[in-house]
Amino acid sequence: MRSWRLDLDGDAHAARLARHSIRGWLDLVDCDEDTKIDITLVASELVSDTVSDEAARVSIRMLFDDGRLRIDVHAERDQPPTATGSLKLQDSACNSLTDRVISAATDSWGRTEMPHGTHTWAEILC
């Protein structure tokens, strides 16, 4: 089993930093190149989604075992999201597009909302 973790501030740079950091670790994982692109896209979208939800901190963890890769993204907020600050509350069409992209690129995924954060996971079969 291979694992990887990255902790980030929940700012405008988080998704870009996640994408760049993931690339090096994915070189150690036995997935084809198209799947690695999907993994990078999904992780980036999940991080972007948490940042748009006013996350103060974001933690990404990946586990690769027996041909399956799991992405866990934990977002921690200092306070519940505001109606004006949350992209989900502002633009459900954008959220729907993100959900469709993640659904198309993964074998399964889910999200748990809590007052001070979210946990989103996705699994991709390599």
C-alpha atoms as a PDB file:
ATOM      1  CA  MET A   1       0.000   0.000   0.000  1.00  0.00           C
ATOM      2  CA  ARG A   2       1.235   3.488  -0.893  1.00  0.00           C
ATOM      3  CA  SER A   3      -0.044   6.578   0.855  1.00  0.00           C
ATOM      4  CA  TRP A   4       0.398  10.311   0.489  1.00  0.00           C
ATOM      5  CA  ARG A   5      -0.826  13.325   2.462  1.00  0.00           C
ATOM      6  CA  LEU A   6      -0.776  17.071   1.962  1.00  0.00           C
ATOM      7  CA  ASP A   7      -2.051  19.784   4.305  1.00  0.00           C
ATOM      8  CA  LEU A   8      -2.859  23.186   2.795  1.00  0.00           C
ATOM      9  CA  ASP A   9      -4.288  26.537   3.744  1.00  0.00           C
ATOM     10  CA  GLY A  10      -7.745  27.006   2.267  1.00  0.00           C
ATOM     11  CA  ASP A  11      -6.817  29.785  -0.125  1.00  0.00           C
ATOM     12  CA  ALA A  12      -6.870  30.483  -3.852  1.00  0.00           C
ATOM     13  CA  HIS A  13      -3.584  28.588  -4.342  1.00  0.00           C
ATOM     14  CA  ALA A  14      -4.691  25.315  -2.731  1.00  0.00           C
ATOM     15  CA  ALA A  15      -5.920  23.504  -5.862  1.00  0.00           C
ATOM     16  CA  ARG A  16      -2.824  24.461  -7.875  1.00  0.00           C
ATOM     17  CA  LEU A  17      -0.486  23.354  -5.069  1.00  0.00           C
ATOM     18  CA  ALA A  18      -2.398  20.089  -4.770  1.00  0.00           C
ATOM     19  CA  ARG A  19      -2.125  19.385  -8.524  1.00  0.00           C
ATOM     20  CA  HIS A  20       1.631  20.001  -8.562  1.00  0.00           C
ATOM     21  CA  SER A  21       2.255  17.929  -5.441  1.00  0.00           C
ATOM     22  CA  ILE A  22       0.135  15.001  -6.610  1.00  0.00           C
ATOM     23  CA  ARG A  23       2.025  14.605  -9.895  1.00  0.00           C
ATOM     24  CA  GLY A  24       5.243  13.426  -8.236  1.00  0.00           C
ATOM     25  CA  TRP A  25       3.481  10.891  -6.034  1.00  0.00           C
ATOM     26  CA  LEU A  26       1.468   9.512  -8.955  1.00  0.00           C
ATOM     27  CA  ASP A  27       4.741   8.484 -10.640  1.00  0.00           C
ATOM     28  CA  LEU A  28       4.967   5.803  -7.918  1.00  0.00           C
ATOM     29  CA  VAL A  29       1.461   4.482  -8.593  1.00  0.00           C
ATOM     30  CA  ASP A  30       0.680   1.787 -11.172  1.00  0.00           C
ATOM     31  CA  CYS A  31      -2.082   3.539 -13.152  1.00  0.00           C
ATOM     32  CA  ASP A  32      -2.205   4.436 -16.817  1.00  0.00           C
ATOM     33  CA  GLU A  33      -1.583   8.059 -17.795  1.00  0.00           C
ATOM     34  CA  ASP A  34      -5.242   8.833 -18.570  1.00  0.00           C
ATOM     35  CA  THR A  35      -6.253   7.613 -15.115  1.00  0.00           C
ATOM     36  CA  LYS A  36      -3.523   9.731 -13.512  1.00  0.00           C
ATOM     37  CA  ILE A  37      -4.968  12.764 -15.314  1.00  0.00           C
ATOM     38  CA  ASP A  38      -8.419  11.868 -13.948  1.00  0.00           C
ATOM     39  CA  ILE A  39      -6.991  11.494 -10.433  1.00  0.00           C
ATOM     40  CA  THR A  40      -5.332  14.899 -10.640  1.00  0.00           C
ATOM     41  CA  LEU A  41      -8.520  16.498 -11.982  1.00  0.00           C
ATOM     42  CA  VAL A  42     -10.719  14.941  -9.295  1.00  0.00           C
ATOM     43  CA  ALA A  43      -8.369  15.918  -6.462  1.00  0.00           C
ATOM     44  CA  SER A  44      -8.134  19.461  -7.819  1.00  0.00           C
ATOM     45  CA  GLU A  45     -11.927  19.763  -8.123  1.00  0.00           C
ATOM     46  CA  LEU A  46     -12.461  18.443  -4.595  1.00  0.00           C
ATOM     47  CA  VAL A  47      -9.933  20.919  -3.188  1.00  0.00           C
ATOM     48  CA  SER A  48     -11.448  23.794  -5.197  1.00  0.00           C
ATOM     49  CA  ASP A  49     -14.877  22.842  -3.921  1.00  0.00           C
ATOM     50  CA  THR A  50     -13.734  22.957  -0.294  1.00  0.00           C
ATOM     51  CA  VAL A  51     -12.014  26.308  -0.759  1.00  0.00           C
ATOM     52  CA  SER A  52     -15.183  27.763  -2.304  1.00  0.00           C
ATOM     53  CA  ASP A  53     -16.955  26.536   0.833  1.00  0.00           C
ATOM     54  CA  GLU A  54     -14.771  28.828   2.975  1.00  0.00           C
ATOM     55  CA  ALA A  55     -12.401  26.134   4.260  1.00  0.00           C
ATOM     56  CA  ALA A  56      -9.596  27.498   6.412  1.00  0.00           C
ATOM     57  CA  ARG A  57      -7.552  24.307   6.084  1.00  0.00           C
ATOM     58  CA  VAL A  58      -7.611  21.423   3.615  1.00  0.00           C
ATOM     59  CA  SER A  59      -6.064  17.995   4.056  1.00  0.00           C
ATOM     60  CA  ILE A  60      -5.691  15.601   1.121  1.00  0.00           C
ATOM     61  CA  ARG A  61      -4.835  11.959   1.628  1.00  0.00           C
ATOM     62  CA  MET A  62      -4.412   9.324  -1.056  1.00  0.00           C
ATOM     63  CA  LEU A  63      -4.152   5.597  -0.606  1.00  0.00           C
ATOM     64  CA  PHE A  64      -3.261   3.189  -3.385  1.00  0.00           C
ATOM     65  CA  ASP A  65      -3.771  -0.501  -2.723  1.00  0.00           C
ATOM     66  CA  ASP A  66      -4.486  -3.468  -4.957  1.00  0.00           C
ATOM     67  CA  GLY A  67      -5.237  -1.379  -8.064  1.00  0.00           C
ATOM     68  CA  ARG A  68      -7.613   1.021  -6.333  1.00  0.00           C
ATOM     69  CA  LEU A  69      -6.840   4.622  -5.453  1.00  0.00           C
ATOM     70  CA  ARG A  70      -8.799   6.452  -2.765  1.00  0.00           C
ATOM     71  CA  ILE A  71      -8.781  10.225  -2.418  1.00  0.00           C
ATOM     72  CA  ASP A  72      -9.885  11.735   0.910  1.00  0.00           C
ATOM     73  CA  VAL A  73     -10.267  15.489   1.215  1.00  0.00           C
ATOM     74  CA  HIS A  74     -11.009  16.938   4.638  1.00  0.00           C
ATOM     75  CA  ALA A  75     -11.917  20.609   4.841  1.00  0.00           C
ATOM     76  CA  GLU A  76     -11.980  22.451   8.119  1.00  0.00           C
ATOM     77  CA  ARG A  77     -13.884  25.710   8.518  1.00  0.00           C
ATOM     78  CA  ASP A  78     -13.486  28.087  11.428  1.00  0.00           C
ATOM     79  CA  GLN A  79     -17.222  28.764  11.225  1.00  0.00           C
ATOM     80  CA  PRO A  80     -20.212  27.539   9.190  1.00  0.00           C
ATOM     81  CA  PRO A  81     -20.328  28.879   5.606  1.00  0.00           C
ATOM     82  CA  THR A  82     -22.202  32.084   4.909  1.00  0.00           C
ATOM     83  CA  ALA A  83     -24.850  32.350   2.223  1.00  0.00           C
ATOM     84  CA  THR A  84     -22.735  34.891   0.307  1.00  0.00           C
ATOM     85  CA  GLY A  85     -19.433  33.041   0.687  1.00  0.00           C
ATOM     86  CA  SER A  86     -20.412  29.549  -0.318  1.00  0.00           C
ATOM     87  CA  LEU A  87     -20.204  28.732  -4.017  1.00  0.00           C
ATOM     88  CA  LYS A  88     -22.592  25.830  -3.413  1.00  0.00           C
ATOM     89  CA  LEU A  89     -25.232  28.202  -2.129  1.00  0.00           C
ATOM     90  CA  GLN A  90     -24.572  30.781  -4.851  1.00  0.00           C
ATOM     91  CA  ASP A  91     -24.334  28.666  -7.963  1.00  0.00           C
ATOM     92  CA  SER A  92     -25.933  25.245  -7.946  1.00  0.00           C
ATOM     93  CA  ALA A  93     -25.284  24.879 -11.712  1.00  0.00           C
ATOM     94  CA  CYS A  94     -21.528  25.071 -11.112  1.00  0.00           C
ATOM     95  CA  ASN A  95     -21.795  22.590  -8.250  1.00  0.00           C
ATOM     96  CA  SER A  96     -23.795  20.254 -10.465  1.00  0.00           C
ATOM     97  CA  LEU A  97     -21.085  20.417 -13.136  1.00  0.00           C
ATOM     98  CA  THR A  98     -18.400  19.610 -10.544  1.00  0.00           C
ATOM     99  CA  ASP A  99     -20.466  16.670  -9.316  1.00  0.00           C
ATOM    100  CA  ARG A 100     -20.901  15.396 -12.887  1.00  0.00           C
ATOM    101  CA  VAL A 101     -17.150  15.655 -13.598  1.00  0.00           C
ATOM    102  CA  ILE A 102     -16.315  13.772 -10.403  1.00  0.00           C
ATOM    103  CA  SER A 103     -18.988  11.141 -11.082  1.00  0.00           C
ATOM    104  CA  ALA A 104     -17.688  10.573 -14.617  1.00  0.00           C
ATOM    105  CA  ALA A 105     -14.043  10.234 -13.529  1.00  0.00           C
ATOM    106  CA  THR A 106     -14.523   8.007 -10.463  1.00  0.00           C
ATOM    107  CA  ASP A 107     -15.935   4.604  -9.646  1.00  0.00           C
ATOM    108  CA  SER A 108     -17.610   5.946  -6.508  1.00  0.00           C
ATOM    109  CA  TRP A 109     -17.570   9.055  -4.354  1.00  0.00           C
ATOM    110  CA  GLY A 110     -19.391  10.755  -1.519  1.00  0.00           C
ATOM    111  CA  ARG A 111     -19.493  13.777   0.749  1.00  0.00           C
ATOM    112  CA  THR A 112     -20.339  14.312   4.399  1.00  0.00           C
ATOM    113  CA  GLU A 113     -21.215  17.862   5.458  1.00  0.00           C
ATOM    114  CA  MET A 114     -20.620  18.943   9.042  1.00  0.00           C
ATOM    115  CA  PRO A 115     -21.016  22.357  10.723  1.00  0.00           C
ATOM    116  CA  HIS A 116     -17.266  23.006  10.744  1.00  0.00           C
ATOM    117  CA  GLY A 117     -16.104  21.081   7.704  1.00  0.00           C
ATOM    118  CA  THR A 118     -16.596  18.433   5.068  1.00  0.00           C
ATOM    119  CA  HIS A 119     -15.145  15.056   4.216  1.00  0.00           C
ATOM    120  CA  THR A 120     -15.251  14.114   0.550  1.00  0.00           C
ATOM    121  CA  TRP A 121     -13.869  10.857  -0.808  1.00  0.00           C
ATOM    122  CA  ALA A 122     -13.532   9.313  -4.228  1.00  0.00           C
ATOM    123  CA  GLU A 123     -12.294   5.955  -5.460  1.00  0.00           C
ATOM    124  CA  ILE A 124     -10.778   5.238  -8.841  1.00  0.00           C
ATOM    125  CA  LEU A 125      -9.878   1.808 -10.151  1.00  0.00           C
ATOM    126  CA  CYS A 126      -6.518   1.865 -11.892  1.00  0.00           C
END
